[in-house]
Amino acid sequence: MKFSLNGLYIESYTKCANCGVLIYEASAEDSARKKVHDGSIYCSQECVDWKLDRDARRAKAAV
């Protein structure tokens, strides 16, 4: 979530690509919590792993 310069309104929302949790400006700057994978932002490594596992299951089911 990115607040305006004066802090009165929100310019944009940053959400986890997997679970939809809002990633606040403070945690977005904290690279230990925010994970980027394939150009998408995730709130944790657990969400990255979940997405990779889901993609593997879908690929296996499609075969």
C-alpha atoms as a PDB file:
ATOM      1  CA  MET A   1       0.000   0.000   0.000  1.00  0.00           C
ATOM      2  CA  LYS A   2       1.500   3.314  -0.994  1.00  0.00           C
ATOM      3  CA  PHE A   3       0.326   6.410   0.837  1.00  0.00           C
ATOM      4  CA  SER A   4       0.379   9.860  -0.739  1.00  0.00           C
ATOM      5  CA  LEU A   5       3.127  12.282   0.197  1.00  0.00           C
ATOM      6  CA  ASN A   6       0.867  14.024   2.712  1.00  0.00           C
ATOM      7  CA  GLY A   7      -0.413  10.675   4.044  1.00  0.00           C
ATOM      8  CA  LEU A   8      -4.079  11.563   3.648  1.00  0.00           C
ATOM      9  CA  TYR A   9      -4.982   9.048   0.967  1.00  0.00           C
ATOM     10  CA  ILE A  10      -3.707   5.857  -0.638  1.00  0.00           C
ATOM     11  CA  GLU A  11      -2.136   6.158  -4.091  1.00  0.00           C
ATOM     12  CA  SER A  12      -1.959   2.433  -4.804  1.00  0.00           C
ATOM     13  CA  TYR A  13      -2.513  -0.919  -3.170  1.00  0.00           C
ATOM     14  CA  THR A  14       0.117  -3.643  -3.230  1.00  0.00           C
ATOM     15  CA  LYS A  15      -1.333  -7.079  -2.614  1.00  0.00           C
ATOM     16  CA  CYS A  16       0.165 -10.544  -2.410  1.00  0.00           C
ATOM     17  CA  ALA A  17      -0.383 -12.296  -5.748  1.00  0.00           C
ATOM     18  CA  ASN A  18      -1.357 -15.511  -3.948  1.00  0.00           C
ATOM     19  CA  CYS A  19      -3.392 -14.693  -0.849  1.00  0.00           C
ATOM     20  CA  GLY A  20      -4.321 -11.043  -1.424  1.00  0.00           C
ATOM     21  CA  VAL A  21      -2.903  -9.715   1.843  1.00  0.00           C
ATOM     22  CA  LEU A  22      -2.114  -6.007   1.647  1.00  0.00           C
ATOM     23  CA  ILE A  23       1.612  -5.286   1.727  1.00  0.00           C
ATOM     24  CA  TYR A  24       2.107  -2.023   3.535  1.00  0.00           C
ATOM     25  CA  GLU A  25       4.776   0.504   2.641  1.00  0.00           C
ATOM     26  CA  ALA A  26       6.933  -0.379   5.657  1.00  0.00           C
ATOM     27  CA  SER A  27       6.886  -4.099   4.906  1.00  0.00           C
ATOM     28  CA  ALA A  28       7.309  -3.489   1.158  1.00  0.00           C
ATOM     29  CA  GLU A  29      10.670  -1.877   1.914  1.00  0.00           C
ATOM     30  CA  ASP A  30      11.626  -4.817   4.139  1.00  0.00           C
ATOM     31  CA  SER A  31      13.101  -7.257   1.621  1.00  0.00           C
ATOM     32  CA  ALA A  32      13.204 -10.011   4.239  1.00  0.00           C
ATOM     33  CA  ARG A  33       9.383 -10.229   4.220  1.00  0.00           C
ATOM     34  CA  LYS A  34       8.465  -9.275   0.661  1.00  0.00           C
ATOM     35  CA  LYS A  35       9.224 -11.868  -2.013  1.00  0.00           C
ATOM     36  CA  VAL A  36       9.276 -11.271  -5.770  1.00  0.00           C
ATOM     37  CA  HIS A  37       8.910 -14.252  -8.078  1.00  0.00           C
ATOM     38  CA  ASP A  38       8.258 -14.131 -11.852  1.00  0.00           C
ATOM     39  CA  GLY A  39       7.457 -10.423 -11.609  1.00  0.00           C
ATOM     40  CA  SER A  40       4.744 -10.908  -8.963  1.00  0.00           C
ATOM     41  CA  ILE A  41       4.962  -9.736  -5.356  1.00  0.00           C
ATOM     42  CA  TYR A  42       4.222 -12.161  -2.527  1.00  0.00           C
ATOM     43  CA  CYS A  43       3.915 -11.525   1.200  1.00  0.00           C
ATOM     44  CA  SER A  44       6.083 -14.486   2.226  1.00  0.00           C
ATOM     45  CA  GLN A  45       8.100 -17.424   0.970  1.00  0.00           C
ATOM     46  CA  GLU A  46       5.185 -19.645   1.977  1.00  0.00           C
ATOM     47  CA  CYS A  47       2.974 -17.961  -0.635  1.00  0.00           C
ATOM     48  CA  VAL A  48       5.673 -18.397  -3.303  1.00  0.00           C
ATOM     49  CA  ASP A  49       5.938 -22.105  -2.432  1.00  0.00           C
ATOM     50  CA  TRP A  50       2.139 -22.439  -2.457  1.00  0.00           C
ATOM     51  CA  LYS A  51       1.951 -20.916  -5.944  1.00  0.00           C
ATOM     52  CA  LEU A  52       4.707 -23.169  -7.286  1.00  0.00           C
ATOM     53  CA  ASP A  53       3.033 -26.251  -5.812  1.00  0.00           C
ATOM     54  CA  ARG A  54      -0.344 -25.213  -7.254  1.00  0.00           C
ATOM     55  CA  ASP A  55       1.183 -24.696 -10.701  1.00  0.00           C
ATOM     56  CA  ALA A  56       2.815 -28.137 -10.508  1.00  0.00           C
ATOM     57  CA  ARG A  57      -0.503 -29.765  -9.535  1.00  0.00           C
ATOM     58  CA  ARG A  58      -2.319 -28.025 -12.395  1.00  0.00           C
ATOM     59  CA  ALA A  59       0.340 -29.045 -14.896  1.00  0.00           C
ATOM     60  CA  LYS A  60       0.145 -32.649 -13.671  1.00  0.00           C
ATOM     61  CA  ALA A  61      -3.676 -32.646 -13.927  1.00  0.00           C
ATOM     62  CA  ALA A  62      -3.584 -31.227 -17.456  1.00  0.00           C
ATOM     63  CA  VAL A  63      -1.474 -34.138 -18.722  1.00  0.00           C
END
